[in-house]
Amino acid sequence: MFELPLFPLNTVLFPGMPLPLHIFEPRYREMVQVCLEDERPFGVVLIRSGVAEGGPADPYEVGCVAEIVEVQRLEDGRILLMTVGTERFRIRSLNYDNSYLMGTMEEFPFAEEAEEQLAQATNRLFPLVTEYLQILARSGNVEFDPSQMPTNPEDLAYLAAAAIQIEPEQKQAFLENEKATEAINQLARAYRRELALLRLMPKEDQGIFSLN
C-alpha cells in the first residue's frame, strides 16, 4: 500500500506514455508544489463522474502513476508539466481532507502468464498497430518510425491503448485488465474494427476520420 495525490482527468494515462499537463487551478498547483518538494509522483485517474475543473470528481479505481520529468513555471503562477506514466495502481481508499484528492492504493501489475501465449497475442496485435500508425503518419497527425515499435508485450499493449482514437471509457477498460493477453486481444479486436473502417475511406480522409 502507498499514498499519492490524485489528479482526476478526462484522459487515461498508461505506463511508459507521456502526458503534458497545464496546471492552473490553485488546488492542483498546490499538489504539484508538494510533489516537487517531496520529489514524489502523483496518480492520474479517469473521472467516472463529476468535473475536472472547479468541482469534485469521482474517479475510476484503476489509474497510473505519473512521474514529473519537466517543469515550466509561468509568471501568473500556472505550471506546465511533462509527465510519464510508470506503473498501474488500484485505489483502496480516498482521502478528501486536503484541497486535492489523496488516495491509498496498491500496485496493480499484470498477472504472470506463459511466454508463448503472450508472444502469440503480441504477434497478432503488432501489424495492426503498425498499419494504424502508418495511416496517421500519412495524414500528418503523428510522427511514426516503425523501427521504434516495441516488441515487449506490455509495452506494445500500452502504446496501442494510448494511440487508438477511441473514447476514454474504452481505454480505461484496457487499463483495468488483469492479464496482458486479455488487454492485447481486446486491443486487437478494437484495431481490426478501426482499420476496417479506415481502409474503406479515401487516403485523404483517413486522418480526419481517425481523430474523431
C-alpha atoms as a PDB file:
ATOM      1  CA  MET A   1       0.000   0.000   0.000  1.00  0.00           C
ATOM      2  CA  PHE A   2       1.165   3.550  -0.714  1.00  0.00           C
ATOM      3  CA  GLU A   3      -0.404   7.000  -0.696  1.00  0.00           C
ATOM      4  CA  LEU A   4      -0.290   9.544  -3.507  1.00  0.00           C
ATOM      5  CA  PRO A   5      -2.029  12.757  -4.517  1.00  0.00           C
ATOM      6  CA  LEU A   6      -4.551  12.078  -7.278  1.00  0.00           C
ATOM      7  CA  PHE A   7      -5.251  14.149 -10.385  1.00  0.00           C
ATOM      8  CA  PRO A   8      -8.665  13.239 -11.855  1.00  0.00           C
ATOM      9  CA  LEU A   9      -8.745  13.950 -15.592  1.00  0.00           C
ATOM     10  CA  ASN A  10     -10.811  13.209 -18.680  1.00  0.00           C
ATOM     11  CA  THR A  11      -7.954  11.154 -20.082  1.00  0.00           C
ATOM     12  CA  VAL A  12      -6.301   7.796 -19.384  1.00  0.00           C
ATOM     13  CA  LEU A  13      -2.557   7.547 -18.757  1.00  0.00           C
ATOM     14  CA  PHE A  14      -0.679   4.313 -19.496  1.00  0.00           C
ATOM     15  CA  PRO A  15       2.762   3.201 -18.249  1.00  0.00           C
ATOM     16  CA  GLY A  16       5.561   4.414 -20.500  1.00  0.00           C
ATOM     17  CA  MET A  17       3.390   7.040 -22.185  1.00  0.00           C
ATOM     18  CA  PRO A  18       3.965  10.830 -21.959  1.00  0.00           C
ATOM     19  CA  LEU A  19       1.295  13.210 -20.695  1.00  0.00           C
ATOM     20  CA  PRO A  20       1.743  17.010 -20.911  1.00  0.00           C
ATOM     21  CA  LEU A  21      -0.302  18.934 -18.353  1.00  0.00           C
ATOM     22  CA  HIS A  22      -1.316  22.566 -17.901  1.00  0.00           C
ATOM     23  CA  ILE A  23      -1.791  23.213 -14.179  1.00  0.00           C
ATOM     24  CA  PHE A  24      -3.821  26.327 -13.369  1.00  0.00           C
ATOM     25  CA  GLU A  25      -6.288  25.500 -10.568  1.00  0.00           C
ATOM     26  CA  PRO A  26      -4.932  26.568  -7.130  1.00  0.00           C
ATOM     27  CA  ARG A  27      -5.546  23.120  -5.602  1.00  0.00           C
ATOM     28  CA  TYR A  28      -3.519  21.369  -8.284  1.00  0.00           C
ATOM     29  CA  ARG A  29      -0.790  23.989  -8.227  1.00  0.00           C
ATOM     30  CA  GLU A  30      -0.533  23.218  -4.508  1.00  0.00           C
ATOM     31  CA  MET A  31      -0.472  19.484  -5.263  1.00  0.00           C
ATOM     32  CA  VAL A  32       2.309  19.862  -7.819  1.00  0.00           C
ATOM     33  CA  GLN A  33       4.331  22.032  -5.443  1.00  0.00           C
ATOM     34  CA  VAL A  34       4.088  19.369  -2.734  1.00  0.00           C
ATOM     35  CA  CYS A  35       5.126  16.676  -5.220  1.00  0.00           C
ATOM     36  CA  LEU A  36       8.131  18.705  -6.360  1.00  0.00           C
ATOM     37  CA  GLU A  37       9.238  19.490  -2.813  1.00  0.00           C
ATOM     38  CA  ASP A  38       8.908  15.860  -1.718  1.00  0.00           C
ATOM     39  CA  GLU A  39      10.283  14.514  -5.033  1.00  0.00           C
ATOM     40  CA  ARG A  40       7.296  12.242  -5.411  1.00  0.00           C
ATOM     41  CA  PRO A  41       4.926  11.447  -8.295  1.00  0.00           C
ATOM     42  CA  PHE A  42       1.146  11.713  -8.357  1.00  0.00           C
ATOM     43  CA  GLY A  43      -1.581   9.479  -9.700  1.00  0.00           C
ATOM     44  CA  VAL A  44      -3.651  10.151 -12.816  1.00  0.00           C
ATOM     45  CA  VAL A  45      -7.169   8.712 -12.771  1.00  0.00           C
ATOM     46  CA  LEU A  46     -10.020   8.926 -15.247  1.00  0.00           C
ATOM     47  CA  ILE A  47     -13.117  10.734 -13.978  1.00  0.00           C
ATOM     48  CA  ARG A  48     -16.123   8.422 -13.592  1.00  0.00           C
ATOM     49  CA  SER A  49     -18.462  11.253 -12.604  1.00  0.00           C
ATOM     50  CA  GLY A  50     -18.036  14.910 -11.734  1.00  0.00           C
ATOM     51  CA  VAL A  51     -15.848  17.519 -13.382  1.00  0.00           C
ATOM     52  CA  ALA A  52     -12.139  18.006 -13.967  1.00  0.00           C
ATOM     53  CA  GLU A  53     -12.161  21.706 -13.136  1.00  0.00           C
ATOM     54  CA  GLY A  54     -13.716  23.638 -10.287  1.00  0.00           C
ATOM     55  CA  GLY A  55     -15.539  20.814  -8.559  1.00  0.00           C
ATOM     56  CA  PRO A  56     -15.368  17.324  -7.071  1.00  0.00           C
ATOM     57  CA  ALA A  57     -14.724  14.256  -9.207  1.00  0.00           C
ATOM     58  CA  ASP A  58     -15.304  10.569  -8.556  1.00  0.00           C
ATOM     59  CA  PRO A  59     -12.503   8.568 -10.216  1.00  0.00           C
ATOM     60  CA  TYR A  60     -12.290   5.047 -11.552  1.00  0.00           C
ATOM     61  CA  GLU A  61     -10.377   2.821  -9.156  1.00  0.00           C
ATOM     62  CA  VAL A  62      -7.518   1.894 -11.533  1.00  0.00           C
ATOM     63  CA  GLY A  63      -5.066   4.593 -12.557  1.00  0.00           C
ATOM     64  CA  CYS A  64      -1.425   5.201 -13.417  1.00  0.00           C
ATOM     65  CA  VAL A  65       1.446   6.812 -11.534  1.00  0.00           C
ATOM     66  CA  ALA A  66       2.717   9.977 -13.271  1.00  0.00           C
ATOM     67  CA  GLU A  67       6.394  10.854 -12.850  1.00  0.00           C
ATOM     68  CA  ILE A  68       7.220  14.553 -13.329  1.00  0.00           C
ATOM     69  CA  VAL A  69      10.089  14.863 -15.815  1.00  0.00           C
ATOM     70  CA  GLU A  70       9.935  18.541 -16.819  1.00  0.00           C
ATOM     71  CA  VAL A  71       8.563  21.693 -15.174  1.00  0.00           C
ATOM     72  CA  GLN A  72       7.975  25.173 -16.583  1.00  0.00           C
ATOM     73  CA  ARG A  73       6.604  27.856 -14.271  1.00  0.00           C
ATOM     74  CA  LEU A  74       4.742  30.764 -15.850  1.00  0.00           C
ATOM     75  CA  GLU A  75       4.668  34.303 -14.462  1.00  0.00           C
ATOM     76  CA  ASP A  76       0.985  34.140 -13.485  1.00  0.00           C
ATOM     77  CA  GLY A  77       1.509  31.026 -11.343  1.00  0.00           C
ATOM     78  CA  ARG A  78       0.425  28.446 -13.900  1.00  0.00           C
ATOM     79  CA  ILE A  79       2.662  25.427 -14.369  1.00  0.00           C
ATOM     80  CA  LEU A  80       3.408  23.398 -17.486  1.00  0.00           C
ATOM     81  CA  LEU A  81       4.400  19.823 -16.779  1.00  0.00           C
ATOM     82  CA  MET A  82       5.657  16.922 -18.811  1.00  0.00           C
ATOM     83  CA  THR A  83       4.934  13.643 -17.083  1.00  0.00           C
ATOM     84  CA  VAL A  84       5.443   9.983 -17.965  1.00  0.00           C
ATOM     85  CA  GLY A  85       3.343   7.068 -16.753  1.00  0.00           C
ATOM     86  CA  THR A  86       5.278   4.482 -14.751  1.00  0.00           C
ATOM     87  CA  GLU A  87       3.008   1.834 -13.179  1.00  0.00           C
ATOM     88  CA  ARG A  88      -0.633   0.940 -12.682  1.00  0.00           C
ATOM     89  CA  PHE A  89      -2.353   1.089  -9.314  1.00  0.00           C
ATOM     90  CA  ARG A  90      -5.703   0.172  -7.803  1.00  0.00           C
ATOM     91  CA  ILE A  91      -7.259   2.612  -5.333  1.00  0.00           C
ATOM     92  CA  ARG A  92      -8.208   1.113  -1.972  1.00  0.00           C
ATOM     93  CA  SER A  93      -9.430   4.281  -0.234  1.00  0.00           C
ATOM     94  CA  LEU A  94      -9.807   8.015  -0.896  1.00  0.00           C
ATOM     95  CA  ASN A  95      -8.988  10.924   1.406  1.00  0.00           C
ATOM     96  CA  TYR A  96     -10.762  14.262   0.914  1.00  0.00           C
ATOM     97  CA  ASP A  97      -9.058  16.142   3.779  1.00  0.00           C
ATOM     98  CA  ASN A  98      -6.781  18.210   1.523  1.00  0.00           C
ATOM     99  CA  SER A  99      -7.758  20.709  -1.154  1.00  0.00           C
ATOM    100  CA  TYR A 100      -6.844  17.998  -3.671  1.00  0.00           C
ATOM    101  CA  LEU A 101      -7.730  14.309  -3.626  1.00  0.00           C
ATOM    102  CA  MET A 102      -5.447  11.775  -1.950  1.00  0.00           C
ATOM    103  CA  GLY A 103      -5.603   8.022  -2.376  1.00  0.00           C
ATOM    104  CA  THR A 104      -4.267   4.922  -0.698  1.00  0.00           C
ATOM    105  CA  MET A 105      -3.541   2.372  -3.371  1.00  0.00           C
ATOM    106  CA  GLU A 106      -1.747  -0.845  -4.173  1.00  0.00           C
ATOM    107  CA  GLU A 107       0.400  -1.779  -7.138  1.00  0.00           C
ATOM    108  CA  PHE A 108      -1.519  -3.439  -9.968  1.00  0.00           C
ATOM    109  CA  PRO A 109       0.905  -5.249 -12.298  1.00  0.00           C
ATOM    110  CA  PHE A 110      -0.215  -7.699 -14.941  1.00  0.00           C
ATOM    111  CA  ALA A 111      -0.552 -11.284 -13.742  1.00  0.00           C
ATOM    112  CA  GLU A 112       2.172 -13.712 -14.768  1.00  0.00           C
ATOM    113  CA  GLU A 113       1.425 -15.648 -17.955  1.00  0.00           C
ATOM    114  CA  ALA A 114       3.045 -18.166 -20.235  1.00  0.00           C
ATOM    115  CA  GLU A 115       5.550 -16.510 -22.581  1.00  0.00           C
ATOM    116  CA  GLU A 116       4.289 -18.462 -25.598  1.00  0.00           C
ATOM    117  CA  GLN A 117       0.722 -17.231 -25.070  1.00  0.00           C
ATOM    118  CA  LEU A 118       1.937 -13.641 -24.699  1.00  0.00           C
ATOM    119  CA  ALA A 119       4.093 -13.905 -27.809  1.00  0.00           C
ATOM    120  CA  GLN A 120       1.224 -15.225 -29.928  1.00  0.00           C
ATOM    121  CA  ALA A 121      -1.080 -12.405 -28.818  1.00  0.00           C
ATOM    122  CA  THR A 122       1.641  -9.810 -29.402  1.00  0.00           C
ATOM    123  CA  ASN A 123       2.315 -11.109 -32.907  1.00  0.00           C
ATOM    124  CA  ARG A 124      -1.358 -10.631 -33.775  1.00  0.00           C
ATOM    125  CA  LEU A 125      -1.506  -7.061 -32.448  1.00  0.00           C
ATOM    126  CA  PHE A 126       1.828  -5.781 -33.770  1.00  0.00           C
ATOM    127  CA  PRO A 127       0.928  -5.494 -37.503  1.00  0.00           C
ATOM    128  CA  LEU A 128      -2.445  -3.909 -36.690  1.00  0.00           C
ATOM    129  CA  VAL A 129      -0.893  -1.119 -34.621  1.00  0.00           C
ATOM    130  CA  THR A 130       1.816  -0.618 -37.236  1.00  0.00           C
ATOM    131  CA  GLU A 131      -0.716  -0.168 -40.041  1.00  0.00           C
ATOM    132  CA  TYR A 132      -2.877   2.158 -37.929  1.00  0.00           C
ATOM    133  CA  LEU A 133       0.061   4.404 -37.026  1.00  0.00           C
ATOM    134  CA  GLN A 134       1.236   4.441 -40.639  1.00  0.00           C
ATOM    135  CA  ILE A 135      -2.181   5.784 -41.664  1.00  0.00           C
ATOM    136  CA  LEU A 136      -1.987   8.513 -39.019  1.00  0.00           C
ATOM    137  CA  ALA A 137       1.543   9.357 -40.098  1.00  0.00           C
ATOM    138  CA  ARG A 138       0.487   9.738 -43.751  1.00  0.00           C
ATOM    139  CA  SER A 139      -2.178  12.214 -42.673  1.00  0.00           C
ATOM    140  CA  GLY A 140       0.376  14.208 -40.710  1.00  0.00           C
ATOM    141  CA  ASN A 141      -1.276  13.570 -37.333  1.00  0.00           C
ATOM    142  CA  VAL A 142       1.661  11.711 -35.764  1.00  0.00           C
ATOM    143  CA  GLU A 143       5.331  11.048 -36.367  1.00  0.00           C
ATOM    144  CA  PHE A 144       5.942   7.333 -36.727  1.00  0.00           C
ATOM    145  CA  ASP A 145       9.190   5.371 -37.000  1.00  0.00           C
ATOM    146  CA  PRO A 146       8.420   1.651 -37.464  1.00  0.00           C
ATOM    147  CA  SER A 147      11.862   0.728 -36.130  1.00  0.00           C
ATOM    148  CA  GLN A 148      10.876   2.162 -32.735  1.00  0.00           C
ATOM    149  CA  MET A 149       7.817  -0.072 -32.313  1.00  0.00           C
ATOM    150  CA  PRO A 150       8.076  -2.056 -29.051  1.00  0.00           C
ATOM    151  CA  THR A 151       8.002  -5.838 -29.197  1.00  0.00           C
ATOM    152  CA  ASN A 152       7.651  -6.402 -25.458  1.00  0.00           C
ATOM    153  CA  PRO A 153       4.014  -7.456 -24.855  1.00  0.00           C
ATOM    154  CA  GLU A 154       3.292  -4.962 -22.064  1.00  0.00           C
ATOM    155  CA  ASP A 155       4.980  -2.043 -23.828  1.00  0.00           C
ATOM    156  CA  LEU A 156       3.118  -2.796 -27.061  1.00  0.00           C
ATOM    157  CA  ALA A 157      -0.198  -3.066 -25.209  1.00  0.00           C
ATOM    158  CA  TYR A 158       0.273   0.308 -23.525  1.00  0.00           C
ATOM    159  CA  LEU A 159       1.359   2.022 -26.749  1.00  0.00           C
ATOM    160  CA  ALA A 160      -1.588   0.508 -28.628  1.00  0.00           C
ATOM    161  CA  ALA A 161      -4.049   1.586 -25.938  1.00  0.00           C
ATOM    162  CA  ALA A 162      -2.675   5.120 -25.866  1.00  0.00           C
ATOM    163  CA  ALA A 163      -2.563   5.526 -29.670  1.00  0.00           C
ATOM    164  CA  ILE A 164      -6.001   4.319 -30.712  1.00  0.00           C
ATOM    165  CA  GLN A 165      -8.567   7.098 -31.125  1.00  0.00           C
ATOM    166  CA  ILE A 166     -11.495   5.879 -29.042  1.00  0.00           C
ATOM    167  CA  GLU A 167     -13.459   7.110 -26.035  1.00  0.00           C
ATOM    168  CA  PRO A 168     -11.618   7.368 -22.679  1.00  0.00           C
ATOM    169  CA  GLU A 169     -14.011   4.890 -21.067  1.00  0.00           C
ATOM    170  CA  GLN A 170     -12.966   2.272 -23.621  1.00  0.00           C
ATOM    171  CA  LYS A 171      -9.305   2.993 -22.913  1.00  0.00           C
ATOM    172  CA  GLN A 172      -9.992   2.639 -19.208  1.00  0.00           C
ATOM    173  CA  ALA A 173     -11.209  -0.894 -19.841  1.00  0.00           C
ATOM    174  CA  PHE A 174      -7.810  -1.736 -21.355  1.00  0.00           C
ATOM    175  CA  LEU A 175      -6.042  -0.233 -18.323  1.00  0.00           C
ATOM    176  CA  GLU A 176      -8.104  -2.355 -15.938  1.00  0.00           C
ATOM    177  CA  ASN A 177      -7.265  -5.754 -17.453  1.00  0.00           C
ATOM    178  CA  GLU A 178      -5.602  -8.137 -15.023  1.00  0.00           C
ATOM    179  CA  LYS A 179      -3.782 -10.054 -17.781  1.00  0.00           C
ATOM    180  CA  ALA A 180      -1.701  -8.648 -20.613  1.00  0.00           C
ATOM    181  CA  THR A 181      -3.129 -11.217 -23.052  1.00  0.00           C
ATOM    182  CA  GLU A 182      -6.661 -10.039 -22.290  1.00  0.00           C
ATOM    183  CA  ALA A 183      -5.687  -6.430 -22.949  1.00  0.00           C
ATOM    184  CA  ILE A 184      -3.818  -7.343 -26.132  1.00  0.00           C
ATOM    185  CA  ASN A 185      -6.663  -9.466 -27.504  1.00  0.00           C
ATOM    186  CA  GLN A 186      -9.220  -6.734 -26.776  1.00  0.00           C
ATOM    187  CA  LEU A 187      -6.951  -4.164 -28.409  1.00  0.00           C
ATOM    188  CA  ALA A 188      -6.553  -6.374 -31.472  1.00  0.00           C
ATOM    189  CA  ARG A 189     -10.334  -6.515 -31.883  1.00  0.00           C
ATOM    190  CA  ALA A 190     -10.596  -2.736 -31.497  1.00  0.00           C
ATOM    191  CA  TYR A 191      -7.842  -2.146 -34.062  1.00  0.00           C
ATOM    192  CA  ARG A 192      -9.454  -4.512 -36.548  1.00  0.00           C
ATOM    193  CA  ARG A 193     -12.700  -2.546 -36.275  1.00  0.00           C
ATOM    194  CA  GLU A 194     -10.959   0.810 -36.720  1.00  0.00           C
ATOM    195  CA  LEU A 195      -8.824  -0.404 -39.618  1.00  0.00           C
ATOM    196  CA  ALA A 196     -11.801  -1.963 -41.401  1.00  0.00           C
ATOM    197  CA  LEU A 197     -13.421   1.480 -41.453  1.00  0.00           C
ATOM    198  CA  LEU A 198     -10.254   3.331 -42.389  1.00  0.00           C
ATOM    199  CA  ARG A 199      -9.499   1.039 -45.322  1.00  0.00           C
ATOM    200  CA  LEU A 200     -12.869   1.910 -46.864  1.00  0.00           C
ATOM    201  CA  MET A 201     -12.117   5.624 -46.920  1.00  0.00           C
ATOM    202  CA  PRO A 202     -10.035   7.644 -49.389  1.00  0.00           C
ATOM    203  CA  LYS A 203      -6.498   8.185 -48.124  1.00  0.00           C
ATOM    204  CA  GLU A 204      -7.006  11.945 -47.915  1.00  0.00           C
ATOM    205  CA  ASP A 205      -9.872  11.407 -45.441  1.00  0.00           C
ATOM    206  CA  GLN A 206      -8.316   8.714 -43.276  1.00  0.00           C
ATOM    207  CA  GLY A 207      -6.541  11.020 -40.862  1.00  0.00           C
ATOM    208  CA  ILE A 208      -9.613  13.205 -40.358  1.00  0.00           C
ATOM    209  CA  PHE A 209     -11.781  10.174 -39.659  1.00  0.00           C
ATOM    210  CA  SER A 210      -9.382   8.534 -37.214  1.00  0.00           C
ATOM    211  CA  LEU A 211      -9.229  11.562 -34.968  1.00  0.00           C
ATOM    212  CA  ASN A 212     -12.983  11.864 -34.478  1.00  0.00           C
END
